[in-house]
């Protein structure tokens, strides 16, 4: 998470990314609902892989890999 924020230009950083990711991961581990929704599409694209790692749901390994590829493209350097 930190590396993702550091690699982005300051004007493209999402200040809500780290707290949102923390909340989503804690909610996934504890089973409690997350208090906040993703602040932006970039935040969702960064937090979704963490959720997929914990529970890919009905997605196959190939589908998860494809999803990760798409999400990495969305969060790549601007």
Protein backbone atom coordinates (compact mmCIF):
# COMPACT_ATOMS: atom_id res chain seq x y z
CA UNK A 1 0.00 0.00 0.00
CA UNK A 2 2.71 2.45 0.98
CA UNK A 3 4.73 1.67 -2.14
CA UNK A 4 1.66 2.27 -4.28
CA UNK A 5 1.16 5.68 -2.72
CA UNK A 6 4.85 6.58 -3.00
CA UNK A 7 5.07 5.64 -6.68
CA UNK A 8 2.22 7.95 -7.65
CA UNK A 9 2.77 11.63 -8.29
CA UNK A 10 1.69 13.71 -5.26
CA UNK A 11 -1.19 15.27 -7.17
CA UNK A 12 -2.54 11.79 -8.03
CA UNK A 13 -2.35 10.30 -4.52
CA UNK A 14 -5.57 9.41 -2.76
CA UNK A 15 -5.27 10.42 0.90
CA UNK A 16 -8.17 8.10 1.79
CA UNK A 17 -6.51 5.03 0.27
CA UNK A 18 -4.61 3.76 3.29
CA UNK A 19 -7.40 4.18 5.86
CA UNK A 20 -9.95 2.69 3.46
CA UNK A 21 -7.74 -0.31 2.70
CA UNK A 22 -7.15 -0.82 6.42
CA UNK A 23 -10.89 -0.74 7.12
CA UNK A 24 -11.66 -3.21 4.32
CA UNK A 25 -8.95 -5.64 5.42
CA UNK A 26 -9.96 -5.43 9.08
CA UNK A 27 -13.60 -5.97 8.13
CA UNK A 28 -12.61 -9.02 6.06
CA UNK A 29 -10.61 -10.50 8.93
CA UNK A 30 -13.09 -9.74 11.72
CA UNK A 31 -16.29 -10.21 9.74
CA UNK A 32 -17.47 -6.75 10.77
CA UNK A 33 -18.83 -4.46 8.06
CA UNK A 34 -16.45 -1.79 6.82
CA UNK A 35 -17.49 1.71 7.88
CA UNK A 36 -16.45 3.43 4.68
CA UNK A 37 -16.93 2.91 0.99
CA UNK A 38 -13.98 3.29 -1.37
CA UNK A 39 -13.26 6.97 -1.90
CA UNK A 40 -12.44 6.62 -5.59
CA UNK A 41 -12.14 4.05 -8.39
CA UNK A 42 -8.37 3.96 -7.76
CA UNK A 43 -8.96 3.14 -4.09
CA UNK A 44 -11.33 0.33 -5.05
CA UNK A 45 -8.83 -0.96 -7.61
CA UNK A 46 -6.16 -1.15 -4.93
CA UNK A 47 -8.29 -2.62 -2.15
CA UNK A 48 -10.07 -5.24 -4.27
CA UNK A 49 -6.97 -7.44 -4.72
CA UNK A 50 -6.67 -7.71 -0.93
CA UNK A 51 -10.28 -8.84 -0.73
CA UNK A 52 -9.78 -11.30 -3.61
CA UNK A 53 -6.78 -12.79 -1.81
CA UNK A 54 -8.95 -13.50 1.23
CA UNK A 55 -11.99 -14.77 -0.67
CA UNK A 56 -12.09 -15.01 -4.47
CA UNK A 57 -15.74 -16.05 -4.31
CA UNK A 58 -16.92 -17.88 -7.42
CA UNK A 59 -13.97 -16.67 -9.54
CA UNK A 60 -11.49 -19.20 -10.92
CA UNK A 61 -7.74 -18.72 -10.49
CA UNK A 62 -7.57 -17.53 -14.11
CA UNK A 63 -10.37 -15.01 -13.57
CA UNK A 64 -8.68 -13.70 -10.41
CA UNK A 65 -5.40 -13.31 -12.34
CA UNK A 66 -7.20 -11.41 -15.11
CA UNK A 67 -8.94 -9.19 -12.56
CA UNK A 68 -5.59 -8.45 -10.87
CA UNK A 69 -4.10 -7.54 -14.28
CA UNK A 70 -6.93 -5.10 -14.99
CA UNK A 71 -6.70 -3.58 -11.52
CA UNK A 72 -2.93 -3.11 -11.86
CA UNK A 73 -3.52 -1.27 -15.13
CA UNK A 74 -6.01 1.04 -13.41
CA UNK A 75 -3.61 1.86 -10.59
CA UNK A 76 -0.45 2.14 -12.68
CA UNK A 77 1.59 5.33 -12.87
CA UNK A 78 -0.34 8.26 -14.28
